[in-house]
C-alpha atoms as a PDB file:
ATOM      1  CA  UNK A   1       0.000   0.000   0.000  1.00  0.00           C
ATOM      2  CA  UNK A   2       1.432   3.371  -0.987  1.00  0.00           C
ATOM      3  CA  UNK A   3       1.967   6.262   1.438  1.00  0.00           C
ATOM      4  CA  UNK A   4      -0.725   8.236  -0.375  1.00  0.00           C
ATOM      5  CA  UNK A   5      -3.301   5.715   0.907  1.00  0.00           C
ATOM      6  CA  UNK A   6      -1.800   5.135   4.371  1.00  0.00           C
ATOM      7  CA  UNK A   7      -2.015   8.778   5.516  1.00  0.00           C
ATOM      8  CA  UNK A   8      -5.748   9.236   4.669  1.00  0.00           C
ATOM      9  CA  UNK A   9      -6.450   5.867   6.348  1.00  0.00           C
ATOM     10  CA  UNK A  10      -4.744   7.038   9.540  1.00  0.00           C
ATOM     11  CA  UNK A  11      -6.781  10.239   9.548  1.00  0.00           C
ATOM     12  CA  UNK A  12      -9.960   8.226   8.932  1.00  0.00           C
ATOM     13  CA  UNK A  13      -9.251   6.039  11.957  1.00  0.00           C
ATOM     14  CA  UNK A  14      -8.595   9.085  14.118  1.00  0.00           C
ATOM     15  CA  UNK A  15     -11.831  10.699  12.931  1.00  0.00           C
ATOM     16  CA  UNK A  16     -13.779   7.511  13.640  1.00  0.00           C
ATOM     17  CA  UNK A  17     -12.306   7.383  17.141  1.00  0.00           C
ATOM     18  CA  UNK A  18     -13.343  10.993  17.780  1.00  0.00           C
ATOM     19  CA  UNK A  19     -16.875  10.296  16.538  1.00  0.00           C
ATOM     20  CA  UNK A  20     -17.212   7.248  18.806  1.00  0.00           C
ATOM     21  CA  UNK A  21     -15.957   9.232  21.802  1.00  0.00           C
ATOM     22  CA  UNK A  22     -18.472  12.012  21.199  1.00  0.00           C
ATOM     23  CA  UNK A  23     -21.522   9.802  20.702  1.00  0.00           C
ATOM     24  CA  UNK A  24     -23.949  10.275  23.580  1.00  0.00           C
ATOM     25  CA  UNK A  25     -24.868   7.066  25.391  1.00  0.00           C
ATOM     26  CA  UNK A  26     -28.126   7.301  27.342  1.00  0.00           C
ATOM     27  CA  UNK A  27     -28.303   5.011  30.351  1.00  0.00           C
ATOM     28  CA  UNK A  28     -31.687   4.608  32.017  1.00  0.00           C
ATOM     29  CA  UNK A  29     -31.525   3.616  35.668  1.00  0.00           C
ATOM     30  CA  UNK A  30     -34.018   2.326  38.208  1.00  0.00           C
ATOM     31  CA  UNK A  31     -33.239   5.021  40.790  1.00  0.00           C
ATOM     32  CA  UNK A  32     -32.969   8.766  41.063  1.00  0.00           C
ATOM     33  CA  UNK A  33     -29.956  10.995  41.586  1.00  0.00           C
ATOM     34  CA  UNK A  34     -28.020   9.830  44.639  1.00  0.00           C
ATOM     35  CA  UNK A  35     -29.528   6.343  44.657  1.00  0.00           C
ATOM     36  CA  UNK A  36     -27.478   3.156  44.753  1.00  0.00           C
ATOM     37  CA  UNK A  37     -28.488   2.658  41.114  1.00  0.00           C
ATOM     38  CA  UNK A  38     -26.847   6.017  40.405  1.00  0.00           C
ATOM     39  CA  UNK A  39     -23.661   4.855  42.153  1.00  0.00           C
ATOM     40  CA  UNK A  40     -23.747   1.625  40.140  1.00  0.00           C
ATOM     41  CA  UNK A  41     -24.182   3.552  36.877  1.00  0.00           C
ATOM     42  CA  UNK A  42     -21.221   5.814  37.659  1.00  0.00           C
ATOM     43  CA  UNK A  43     -19.118   2.750  38.450  1.00  0.00           C
ATOM     44  CA  UNK A  44     -20.094   1.088  35.158  1.00  0.00           C
ATOM     45  CA  UNK A  45     -19.332   4.247  33.163  1.00  0.00           C
ATOM     46  CA  UNK A  46     -15.913   4.592  34.808  1.00  0.00           C
ATOM     47  CA  UNK A  47     -14.895   0.934  34.523  1.00  0.00           C
ATOM     48  CA  UNK A  48     -15.897   0.766  30.844  1.00  0.00           C
ATOM     49  CA  UNK A  49     -14.333   4.056  29.768  1.00  0.00           C
ATOM     50  CA  UNK A  50     -17.599   5.562  28.536  1.00  0.00           C
ATOM     51  CA  UNK A  51     -16.676   9.172  27.830  1.00  0.00           C
ATOM     52  CA  UNK A  52     -19.990  10.722  26.917  1.00  0.00           C
ATOM     53  CA  UNK A  53     -22.842   9.284  28.949  1.00  0.00           C
ATOM     54  CA  UNK A  54     -26.131  10.744  30.096  1.00  0.00           C
ATOM     55  CA  UNK A  55     -27.917   9.106  32.990  1.00  0.00           C
ATOM     56  CA  UNK A  56     -31.698   9.114  32.762  1.00  0.00           C
ATOM     57  CA  UNK A  57     -33.339   8.825  36.188  1.00  0.00           C
ATOM     58  CA  UNK A  58     -36.375   6.620  35.567  1.00  0.00           C
ATOM     59  CA  UNK A  59     -37.005   5.522  39.189  1.00  0.00           C
ATOM     60  CA  UNK A  60     -38.503   2.074  38.508  1.00  0.00           C
ATOM     61  CA  UNK A  61     -37.363  -1.081  36.735  1.00  0.00           C
ATOM     62  CA  UNK A  62     -40.570  -1.086  34.692  1.00  0.00           C
ATOM     63  CA  UNK A  63     -39.835   2.375  33.313  1.00  0.00           C
ATOM     64  CA  UNK A  64     -36.234   1.403  32.543  1.00  0.00           C
ATOM     65  CA  UNK A  65     -37.245  -1.608  30.446  1.00  0.00           C
ATOM     66  CA  UNK A  66     -40.106   0.252  28.777  1.00  0.00           C
ATOM     67  CA  UNK A  67     -37.726   3.059  27.780  1.00  0.00           C
ATOM     68  CA  UNK A  68     -35.246   0.491  26.478  1.00  0.00           C
ATOM     69  CA  UNK A  69     -37.869  -1.139  24.246  1.00  0.00           C
ATOM     70  CA  UNK A  70     -39.030   2.252  23.004  1.00  0.00           C
ATOM     71  CA  UNK A  71     -35.481   3.190  21.988  1.00  0.00           C
ATOM     72  CA  UNK A  72     -35.370   6.087  24.429  1.00  0.00           C
ATOM     73  CA  UNK A  73     -32.178   4.807  26.128  1.00  0.00           C
ATOM     74  CA  UNK A  74     -29.186   2.794  24.921  1.00  0.00           C
ATOM     75  CA  UNK A  75     -28.623   0.826  28.120  1.00  0.00           C
ATOM     76  CA  UNK A  76     -30.706   0.008  31.154  1.00  0.00           C
ATOM     77  CA  UNK A  77     -29.519  -0.610  34.711  1.00  0.00           C
ATOM     78  CA  UNK A  78     -31.493  -1.930  37.674  1.00  0.00           C
ATOM     79  CA  UNK A  79     -30.992  -3.880  40.898  1.00  0.00           C
ATOM     80  CA  UNK A  80     -31.810  -7.573  40.671  1.00  0.00           C
ATOM     81  CA  UNK A  81     -30.556  -9.276  43.860  1.00  0.00           C
ATOM     82  CA  UNK A  82     -29.329  -8.419  47.352  1.00  0.00           C
ATOM     83  CA  UNK A  83     -27.475 -10.751  49.708  1.00  0.00           C
ATOM     84  CA  UNK A  84     -29.801  -9.916  52.609  1.00  0.00           C
ATOM     85  CA  UNK A  85     -33.045  -9.063  50.832  1.00  0.00           C
ATOM     86  CA  UNK A  86     -32.944 -11.626  48.038  1.00  0.00           C
ATOM     87  CA  UNK A  87     -34.546 -11.005  44.646  1.00  0.00           C
ATOM     88  CA  UNK A  88     -35.752  -7.458  44.003  1.00  0.00           C
ATOM     89  CA  UNK A  89     -39.434  -8.138  43.345  1.00  0.00           C
ATOM     90  CA  UNK A  90     -40.007  -4.931  41.416  1.00  0.00           C
ATOM     91  CA  UNK A  91     -37.298  -5.915  38.922  1.00  0.00           C
ATOM     92  CA  UNK A  92     -38.405  -9.541  38.688  1.00  0.00           C
ATOM     93  CA  UNK A  93     -41.934  -8.437  37.750  1.00  0.00           C
ATOM     94  CA  UNK A  94     -40.674  -5.986  35.116  1.00  0.00           C
ATOM     95  CA  UNK A  95     -38.357  -8.557  33.536  1.00  0.00           C
ATOM     96  CA  UNK A  96     -41.300 -10.828  32.799  1.00  0.00           C
ATOM     97  CA  UNK A  97     -43.000  -8.115  30.733  1.00  0.00           C
ATOM     98  CA  UNK A  98     -40.154  -6.993  28.476  1.00  0.00           C
ATOM     99  CA  UNK A  99     -37.540  -8.281  26.022  1.00  0.00           C
ATOM    100  CA  UNK A 100     -33.893  -7.253  26.308  1.00  0.00           C
ATOM    101  CA  UNK A 101     -30.331  -8.491  25.966  1.00  0.00           C
ATOM    102  CA  UNK A 102     -28.011  -9.079  28.902  1.00  0.00           C
ATOM    103  CA  UNK A 103     -24.834  -6.986  28.813  1.00  0.00           C
ATOM    104  CA  UNK A 104     -23.146  -7.184  32.198  1.00  0.00           C
ATOM    105  CA  UNK A 105     -23.555  -7.311  35.967  1.00  0.00           C
ATOM    106  CA  UNK A 106     -21.883  -5.386  38.739  1.00  0.00           C
ATOM    107  CA  UNK A 107     -22.066  -5.380  42.523  1.00  0.00           C
ATOM    108  CA  UNK A 108     -21.934  -2.715  45.203  1.00  0.00           C
ATOM    109  CA  UNK A 109     -21.477  -3.013  48.940  1.00  0.00           C
ATOM    110  CA  UNK A 110     -24.497  -1.313  50.472  1.00  0.00           C
ATOM    111  CA  UNK A 111     -24.502   0.849  53.618  1.00  0.00           C
ATOM    112  CA  UNK A 112     -27.735   2.482  54.717  1.00  0.00           C
ATOM    113  CA  UNK A 113     -27.871   5.935  56.284  1.00  0.00           C
ATOM    114  CA  UNK A 114     -30.850   7.610  57.940  1.00  0.00           C
ATOM    115  CA  UNK A 115     -31.348  11.265  57.009  1.00  0.00           C
ATOM    116  CA  UNK A 116     -33.916  13.969  57.639  1.00  0.00           C
ATOM    117  CA  UNK A 117     -34.411  17.707  57.279  1.00  0.00           C
ATOM    118  CA  UNK A 118     -32.301  20.070  59.381  1.00  0.00           C
ATOM    119  CA  UNK A 119     -35.469  21.110  61.233  1.00  0.00           C
ATOM    120  CA  UNK A 120     -35.918  17.600  62.596  1.00  0.00           C
ATOM    121  CA  UNK A 121     -34.018  15.176  64.836  1.00  0.00           C
ATOM    122  CA  UNK A 122     -33.992  11.411  65.179  1.00  0.00           C
ATOM    123  CA  UNK A 123     -36.192  11.682  68.271  1.00  0.00           C
ATOM    124  CA  UNK A 124     -38.867  13.601  66.314  1.00  0.00           C
ATOM    125  CA  UNK A 125     -39.251  11.106  63.480  1.00  0.00           C
ATOM    126  CA  UNK A 126     -42.684   9.711  62.727  1.00  0.00           C
ATOM    127  CA  UNK A 127     -42.144   7.989  59.358  1.00  0.00           C
ATOM    128  CA  UNK A 128     -39.180   6.487  57.507  1.00  0.00           C
ATOM    129  CA  UNK A 129     -39.392   6.251  53.710  1.00  0.00           C
ATOM    130  CA  UNK A 130     -37.393   3.752  51.664  1.00  0.00           C
ATOM    131  CA  UNK A 131     -37.647   1.146  48.930  1.00  0.00           C
ATOM    132  CA  UNK A 132     -39.175  -2.162  50.184  1.00  0.00           C
ATOM    133  CA  UNK A 133     -35.804  -3.871  49.651  1.00  0.00           C
ATOM    134  CA  UNK A 134     -34.158  -1.416  52.049  1.00  0.00           C
ATOM    135  CA  UNK A 135     -36.553  -2.328  54.839  1.00  0.00           C
ATOM    136  CA  UNK A 136     -35.781  -6.027  54.368  1.00  0.00           C
ATOM    137  CA  UNK A 137     -32.043  -5.342  54.561  1.00  0.00           C
ATOM    138  CA  UNK A 138     -32.465  -3.289  57.743  1.00  0.00           C
ATOM    139  CA  UNK A 139     -35.341  -5.154  59.441  1.00  0.00           C
ATOM    140  CA  UNK A 140     -33.558  -6.218  62.639  1.00  0.00           C
ATOM    141  CA  UNK A 141     -31.759  -2.917  63.157  1.00  0.00           C
ATOM    142  CA  UNK A 142     -34.891  -0.864  62.569  1.00  0.00           C
ATOM    143  CA  UNK A 143     -36.793  -3.055  65.032  1.00  0.00           C
ATOM    144  CA  UNK A 144     -34.214  -2.293  67.720  1.00  0.00           C
ATOM    145  CA  UNK A 145     -33.646   1.414  67.069  1.00  0.00           C
ATOM    146  CA  UNK A 146     -36.919   2.679  65.563  1.00  0.00           C
ATOM    147  CA  UNK A 147     -39.635   0.267  66.648  1.00  0.00           C
ATOM    148  CA  UNK A 148     -42.187   3.051  67.137  1.00  0.00           C
ATOM    149  CA  UNK A 149     -41.572   4.766  63.779  1.00  0.00           C
ATOM    150  CA  UNK A 150     -43.786   3.971  60.783  1.00  0.00           C
ATOM    151  CA  UNK A 151     -41.996   2.376  57.810  1.00  0.00           C
ATOM    152  CA  UNK A 152     -43.408   3.351  54.424  1.00  0.00           C
ATOM    153  CA  UNK A 153     -42.663   2.825  50.730  1.00  0.00           C
ATOM    154  CA  UNK A 154     -44.194   5.182  48.199  1.00  0.00           C
ATOM    155  CA  UNK A 155     -46.233   4.372  45.110  1.00  0.00           C
ATOM    156  CA  UNK A 156     -45.118   4.757  41.494  1.00  0.00           C
ATOM    157  CA  UNK A 157     -41.834   6.608  41.158  1.00  0.00           C
ATOM    158  CA  UNK A 158     -41.985   7.407  44.891  1.00  0.00           C
ATOM    159  CA  UNK A 159     -40.995   3.804  45.541  1.00  0.00           C
ATOM    160  CA  UNK A 160     -37.473   4.997  44.787  1.00  0.00           C
ATOM    161  CA  UNK A 161     -35.645   6.225  47.886  1.00  0.00           C
ATOM    162  CA  UNK A 162     -33.892   9.054  46.040  1.00  0.00           C
ATOM    163  CA  UNK A 163     -37.214  10.318  44.715  1.00  0.00           C
ATOM    164  CA  UNK A 164     -38.539  10.277  48.285  1.00  0.00           C
ATOM    165  CA  UNK A 165     -35.465  12.239  49.405  1.00  0.00           C
ATOM    166  CA  UNK A 166     -36.184  14.810  46.726  1.00  0.00           C
ATOM    167  CA  UNK A 167     -39.790  15.008  47.932  1.00  0.00           C
ATOM    168  CA  UNK A 168     -38.670  15.590  51.516  1.00  0.00           C
ATOM    169  CA  UNK A 169     -36.272  18.331  50.454  1.00  0.00           C
ATOM    170  CA  UNK A 170     -38.955  20.096  48.396  1.00  0.00           C
ATOM    171  CA  UNK A 171     -41.588  19.946  51.142  1.00  0.00           C
ATOM    172  CA  UNK A 172     -43.761  17.281  49.481  1.00  0.00           C
ATOM    173  CA  UNK A 173     -43.278  15.111  52.573  1.00  0.00           C
ATOM    174  CA  UNK A 174     -43.831  16.105  56.193  1.00  0.00           C
ATOM    175  CA  UNK A 175     -40.728  17.420  57.964  1.00  0.00           C
ATOM    176  CA  UNK A 176     -40.985  14.615  60.519  1.00  0.00           C
ATOM    177  CA  UNK A 177     -40.197  12.047  57.807  1.00  0.00           C
ATOM    178  CA  UNK A 178     -36.782  10.513  57.259  1.00  0.00           C
ATOM    179  CA  UNK A 179     -35.137   8.758  54.323  1.00  0.00           C
ATOM    180  CA  UNK A 180     -33.139   5.539  54.598  1.00  0.00           C
ATOM    181  CA  UNK A 181     -30.573   4.816  51.907  1.00  0.00           C
ATOM    182  CA  UNK A 182     -27.399   5.962  50.181  1.00  0.00           C
ATOM    183  CA  UNK A 183     -25.485   8.665  52.092  1.00  0.00           C
ATOM    184  CA  UNK A 184     -24.918  10.570  48.810  1.00  0.00           C
ATOM    185  CA  UNK A 185     -28.522  11.756  48.997  1.00  0.00           C
ATOM    186  CA  UNK A 186     -27.814  13.845  52.091  1.00  0.00           C
ATOM    187  CA  UNK A 187     -25.470  16.169  50.214  1.00  0.00           C
ATOM    188  CA  UNK A 188     -27.513  16.229  47.011  1.00  0.00           C
ATOM    189  CA  UNK A 189     -30.817  17.098  48.700  1.00  0.00           C
ATOM    190  CA  UNK A 190     -29.536  19.113  51.642  1.00  0.00           C
ATOM    191  CA  UNK A 191     -30.487  16.614  54.337  1.00  0.00           C
ATOM    192  CA  UNK A 192     -28.638  15.716  57.533  1.00  0.00           C
ATOM    193  CA  UNK A 193     -27.529  12.220  58.519  1.00  0.00           C
ATOM    194  CA  UNK A 194     -28.794  11.187  61.954  1.00  0.00           C
ATOM    195  CA  UNK A 195     -27.867   7.483  61.967  1.00  0.00           C
ATOM    196  CA  UNK A 196     -25.672   5.169  59.928  1.00  0.00           C
ATOM    197  CA  UNK A 197     -25.050   1.545  59.023  1.00  0.00           C
ATOM    198  CA  UNK A 198     -28.590   0.343  59.594  1.00  0.00           C
ATOM    199  CA  UNK A 199     -28.100  -2.724  57.377  1.00  0.00           C
ATOM    200  CA  UNK A 200     -28.322  -5.888  59.452  1.00  0.00           C
ATOM    201  CA  UNK A 201     -24.945  -7.212  58.311  1.00  0.00           C
ATOM    202  CA  UNK A 202     -21.791  -5.728  56.830  1.00  0.00           C
ATOM    203  CA  UNK A 203     -21.797  -8.191  53.943  1.00  0.00           C
ATOM    204  CA  UNK A 204     -24.729  -6.438  52.335  1.00  0.00           C
ATOM    205  CA  UNK A 205     -24.212  -6.416  48.588  1.00  0.00           C
ATOM    206  CA  UNK A 206     -26.562  -5.590  45.735  1.00  0.00           C
ATOM    207  CA  UNK A 207     -26.143  -6.966  42.225  1.00  0.00           C
ATOM    208  CA  UNK A 208     -27.227  -4.876  39.248  1.00  0.00           C
ATOM    209  CA  UNK A 209     -28.052  -5.893  35.686  1.00  0.00           C
ATOM    210  CA  UNK A 210     -26.958  -3.853  32.676  1.00  0.00           C
ATOM    211  CA  UNK A 211     -29.094  -4.567  29.617  1.00  0.00           C
ATOM    212  CA  UNK A 212     -29.591  -3.306  26.059  1.00  0.00           C
ATOM    213  CA  UNK A 213     -32.407  -3.511  23.493  1.00  0.00           C
ATOM    214  CA  UNK A 214     -33.084  -6.919  22.010  1.00  0.00           C
ATOM    215  CA  UNK A 215     -31.775  -7.094  18.464  1.00  0.00           C
ATOM    216  CA  UNK A 216     -34.271  -8.421  15.940  1.00  0.00           C
ATOM    217  CA  UNK A 217     -33.154 -11.619  14.312  1.00  0.00           C
ATOM    218  CA  UNK A 218     -33.058 -11.597  10.511  1.00  0.00           C
ATOM    219  CA  UNK A 219     -35.337 -14.122   8.824  1.00  0.00           C
END
Protein backbone atom coordinates (compact mmCIF):
# COMPACT_ATOMS: atom_id res chain seq x y z
CA UNK A 1 0.00 0.00 0.00
CA UNK A 2 1.43 3.37 -0.99
CA UNK A 3 1.97 6.26 1.44
CA UNK A 4 -0.73 8.24 -0.38
CA UNK A 5 -3.30 5.72 0.91
CA UNK A 6 -1.80 5.14 4.37
CA UNK A 7 -2.02 8.78 5.52
CA UNK A 8 -5.75 9.24 4.67
CA UNK A 9 -6.45 5.87 6.35
CA UNK A 10 -4.74 7.04 9.54
CA UNK A 11 -6.78 10.24 9.55
CA UNK A 12 -9.96 8.23 8.93
CA UNK A 13 -9.25 6.04 11.96
CA UNK A 14 -8.59 9.09 14.12
CA UNK A 15 -11.83 10.70 12.93
CA UNK A 16 -13.78 7.51 13.64
CA UNK A 17 -12.31 7.38 17.14
CA UNK A 18 -13.34 10.99 17.78
CA UNK A 19 -16.88 10.30 16.54
CA UNK A 20 -17.21 7.25 18.81
CA UNK A 21 -15.96 9.23 21.80
CA UNK A 22 -18.47 12.01 21.20
CA UNK A 23 -21.52 9.80 20.70
CA UNK A 24 -23.95 10.28 23.58
CA UNK A 25 -24.87 7.07 25.39
CA UNK A 26 -28.13 7.30 27.34
CA UNK A 27 -28.30 5.01 30.35
CA UNK A 28 -31.69 4.61 32.02
CA UNK A 29 -31.53 3.62 35.67
CA UNK A 30 -34.02 2.33 38.21
CA UNK A 31 -33.24 5.02 40.79
CA UNK A 32 -32.97 8.77 41.06
CA UNK A 33 -29.96 11.00 41.59
CA UNK A 34 -28.02 9.83 44.64
CA UNK A 35 -29.53 6.34 44.66
CA UNK A 36 -27.48 3.16 44.75
CA UNK A 37 -28.49 2.66 41.11
CA UNK A 38 -26.85 6.02 40.41
CA UNK A 39 -23.66 4.86 42.15
CA UNK A 40 -23.75 1.62 40.14
CA UNK A 41 -24.18 3.55 36.88
CA UNK A 42 -21.22 5.81 37.66
CA UNK A 43 -19.12 2.75 38.45
CA UNK A 44 -20.09 1.09 35.16
CA UNK A 45 -19.33 4.25 33.16
CA UNK A 46 -15.91 4.59 34.81
CA UNK A 47 -14.89 0.93 34.52
CA UNK A 48 -15.90 0.77 30.84
CA UNK A 49 -14.33 4.06 29.77
CA UNK A 50 -17.60 5.56 28.54
CA UNK A 51 -16.68 9.17 27.83
CA UNK A 52 -19.99 10.72 26.92
CA UNK A 53 -22.84 9.28 28.95
CA UNK A 54 -26.13 10.74 30.10
CA UNK A 55 -27.92 9.11 32.99
CA UNK A 56 -31.70 9.11 32.76
CA UNK A 57 -33.34 8.82 36.19
CA UNK A 58 -36.38 6.62 35.57
CA UNK A 59 -37.00 5.52 39.19
CA UNK A 60 -38.50 2.07 38.51
CA UNK A 61 -37.36 -1.08 36.74
CA UNK A 62 -40.57 -1.09 34.69
CA UNK A 63 -39.83 2.37 33.31
CA UNK A 64 -36.23 1.40 32.54
CA UNK A 65 -37.25 -1.61 30.45
CA UNK A 66 -40.11 0.25 28.78
CA UNK A 67 -37.73 3.06 27.78
CA UNK A 68 -35.25 0.49 26.48
CA UNK A 69 -37.87 -1.14 24.25
CA UNK A 70 -39.03 2.25 23.00
CA UNK A 71 -35.48 3.19 21.99
CA UNK A 72 -35.37 6.09 24.43
CA UNK A 73 -32.18 4.81 26.13
CA UNK A 74 -29.19 2.79 24.92
CA UNK A 75 -28.62 0.83 28.12
CA UNK A 76 -30.71 0.01 31.15
CA UNK A 77 -29.52 -0.61 34.71
CA UNK A 78 -31.49 -1.93 37.67
CA UNK A 79 -30.99 -3.88 40.90
CA UNK A 80 -31.81 -7.57 40.67
CA UNK A 81 -30.56 -9.28 43.86
CA UNK A 82 -29.33 -8.42 47.35
CA UNK A 83 -27.47 -10.75 49.71
CA UNK A 84 -29.80 -9.92 52.61
CA UNK A 85 -33.04 -9.06 50.83
CA UNK A 86 -32.94 -11.63 48.04
CA UNK A 87 -34.55 -11.00 44.65
CA UNK A 88 -35.75 -7.46 44.00
CA UNK A 89 -39.43 -8.14 43.35
CA UNK A 90 -40.01 -4.93 41.42
CA UNK A 91 -37.30 -5.91 38.92
CA UNK A 92 -38.40 -9.54 38.69
CA UNK A 93 -41.93 -8.44 37.75
CA UNK A 94 -40.67 -5.99 35.12
CA UNK A 95 -38.36 -8.56 33.54
CA UNK A 96 -41.30 -10.83 32.80
CA UNK A 97 -43.00 -8.12 30.73
CA UNK A 98 -40.15 -6.99 28.48
CA UNK A 99 -37.54 -8.28 26.02
CA UNK A 100 -33.89 -7.25 26.31
CA UNK A 101 -30.33 -8.49 25.97
CA UNK A 102 -28.01 -9.08 28.90
CA UNK A 103 -24.83 -6.99 28.81
CA UNK A 104 -23.15 -7.18 32.20
CA UNK A 105 -23.56 -7.31 35.97
CA UNK A 106 -21.88 -5.39 38.74
CA UNK A 107 -22.07 -5.38 42.52
CA UNK A 108 -21.93 -2.71 45.20
CA UNK A 109 -21.48 -3.01 48.94
CA UNK A 110 -24.50 -1.31 50.47
CA UNK A 111 -24.50 0.85 53.62
CA UNK A 112 -27.73 2.48 54.72
CA UNK A 113 -27.87 5.94 56.28
CA UNK A 114 -30.85 7.61 57.94
CA UNK A 115 -31.35 11.26 57.01
CA UNK A 116 -33.92 13.97 57.64
CA UNK A 117 -34.41 17.71 57.28
CA UNK A 118 -32.30 20.07 59.38
CA UNK A 119 -35.47 21.11 61.23
CA UNK A 120 -35.92 17.60 62.60
CA UNK A 121 -34.02 15.18 64.84
CA UNK A 122 -33.99 11.41 65.18
CA UNK A 123 -36.19 11.68 68.27
CA UNK A 124 -38.87 13.60 66.31
CA UNK A 125 -39.25 11.11 63.48
CA UNK A 126 -42.68 9.71 62.73
CA UNK A 127 -42.14 7.99 59.36
CA UNK A 128 -39.18 6.49 57.51
CA UNK A 129 -39.39 6.25 53.71
CA UNK A 130 -37.39 3.75 51.66
CA UNK A 131 -37.65 1.15 48.93
CA UNK A 132 -39.18 -2.16 50.18
CA UNK A 133 -35.80 -3.87 49.65
CA UNK A 134 -34.16 -1.42 52.05
CA UNK A 135 -36.55 -2.33 54.84
CA UNK A 136 -35.78 -6.03 54.37
CA UNK A 137 -32.04 -5.34 54.56
CA UNK A 138 -32.47 -3.29 57.74
CA UNK A 139 -35.34 -5.15 59.44
CA UNK A 140 -33.56 -6.22 62.64
CA UNK A 141 -31.76 -2.92 63.16
CA UNK A 142 -34.89 -0.86 62.57
CA UNK A 143 -36.79 -3.05 65.03
CA UNK A 144 -34.21 -2.29 67.72
CA UNK A 145 -33.65 1.41 67.07
CA UNK A 146 -36.92 2.68 65.56
CA UNK A 147 -39.63 0.27 66.65
CA UNK A 148 -42.19 3.05 67.14
CA UNK A 149 -41.57 4.77 63.78
CA UNK A 150 -43.79 3.97 60.78
CA UNK A 151 -42.00 2.38 57.81
CA UNK A 152 -43.41 3.35 54.42
CA UNK A 153 -42.66 2.83 50.73
CA UNK A 154 -44.19 5.18 48.20
CA UNK A 155 -46.23 4.37 45.11
CA UNK A 156 -45.12 4.76 41.49
CA UNK A 157 -41.83 6.61 41.16
CA UNK A 158 -41.98 7.41 44.89
CA UNK A 159 -40.99 3.80 45.54
CA UNK A 160 -37.47 5.00 44.79
CA UNK A 161 -35.65 6.23 47.89
CA UNK A 162 -33.89 9.05 46.04
CA UNK A 163 -37.21 10.32 44.71
CA UNK A 164 -38.54 10.28 48.29
CA UNK A 165 -35.46 12.24 49.41
CA UNK A 166 -36.18 14.81 46.73
CA UNK A 167 -39.79 15.01 47.93
CA UNK A 168 -38.67 15.59 51.52
CA UNK A 169 -36.27 18.33 50.45
CA UNK A 170 -38.95 20.10 48.40
CA UNK A 171 -41.59 19.95 51.14
CA UNK A 172 -43.76 17.28 49.48
CA UNK A 173 -43.28 15.11 52.57
CA UNK A 174 -43.83 16.11 56.19
CA UNK A 175 -40.73 17.42 57.96
CA UNK A 176 -40.98 14.62 60.52
CA UNK A 177 -40.20 12.05 57.81
CA UNK A 178 -36.78 10.51 57.26
CA UNK A 179 -35.14 8.76 54.32
CA UNK A 180 -33.14 5.54 54.60
CA UNK A 181 -30.57 4.82 51.91
CA UNK A 182 -27.40 5.96 50.18
CA UNK A 183 -25.49 8.67 52.09
CA UNK A 184 -24.92 10.57 48.81
CA UNK A 185 -28.52 11.76 49.00
CA UNK A 186 -27.81 13.85 52.09
CA UNK A 187 -25.47 16.17 50.21
CA UNK A 188 -27.51 16.23 47.01
CA UNK A 189 -30.82 17.10 48.70
CA UNK A 190 -29.54 19.11 51.64
CA UNK A 191 -30.49 16.61 54.34
CA UNK A 192 -28.64 15.72 57.53
CA UNK A 193 -27.53 12.22 58.52
CA UNK A 194 -28.79 11.19 61.95
CA UNK A 195 -27.87 7.48 61.97
CA UNK A 196 -25.67 5.17 59.93
CA UNK A 197 -25.05 1.54 59.02
CA UNK A 198 -28.59 0.34 59.59
CA UNK A 199 -28.10 -2.72 57.38
CA UNK A 200 -28.32 -5.89 59.45
CA UNK A 201 -24.95 -7.21 58.31
CA UNK A 202 -21.79 -5.73 56.83
CA UNK A 203 -21.80 -8.19 53.94
CA UNK A 204 -24.73 -6.44 52.34
CA UNK A 205 -24.21 -6.42 48.59
CA UNK A 206 -26.56 -5.59 45.73
CA UNK A 207 -26.14 -6.97 42.23
CA UNK A 208 -27.23 -4.88 39.25
CA UNK A 209 -28.05 -5.89 35.69
CA UNK A 210 -26.96 -3.85 32.68
CA UNK A 211 -29.09 -4.57 29.62
CA UNK A 212 -29.59 -3.31 26.06
CA UNK A 213 -32.41 -3.51 23.49
CA UNK A 214 -33.08 -6.92 22.01
CA UNK A 215 -31.77 -7.09 18.46
CA UNK A 216 -34.27 -8.42 15.94
CA UNK A 217 -33.15 -11.62 14.31
CA UNK A 218 -33.06 -11.60 10.51
CA UNK A 219 -35.34 -14.12 8.82
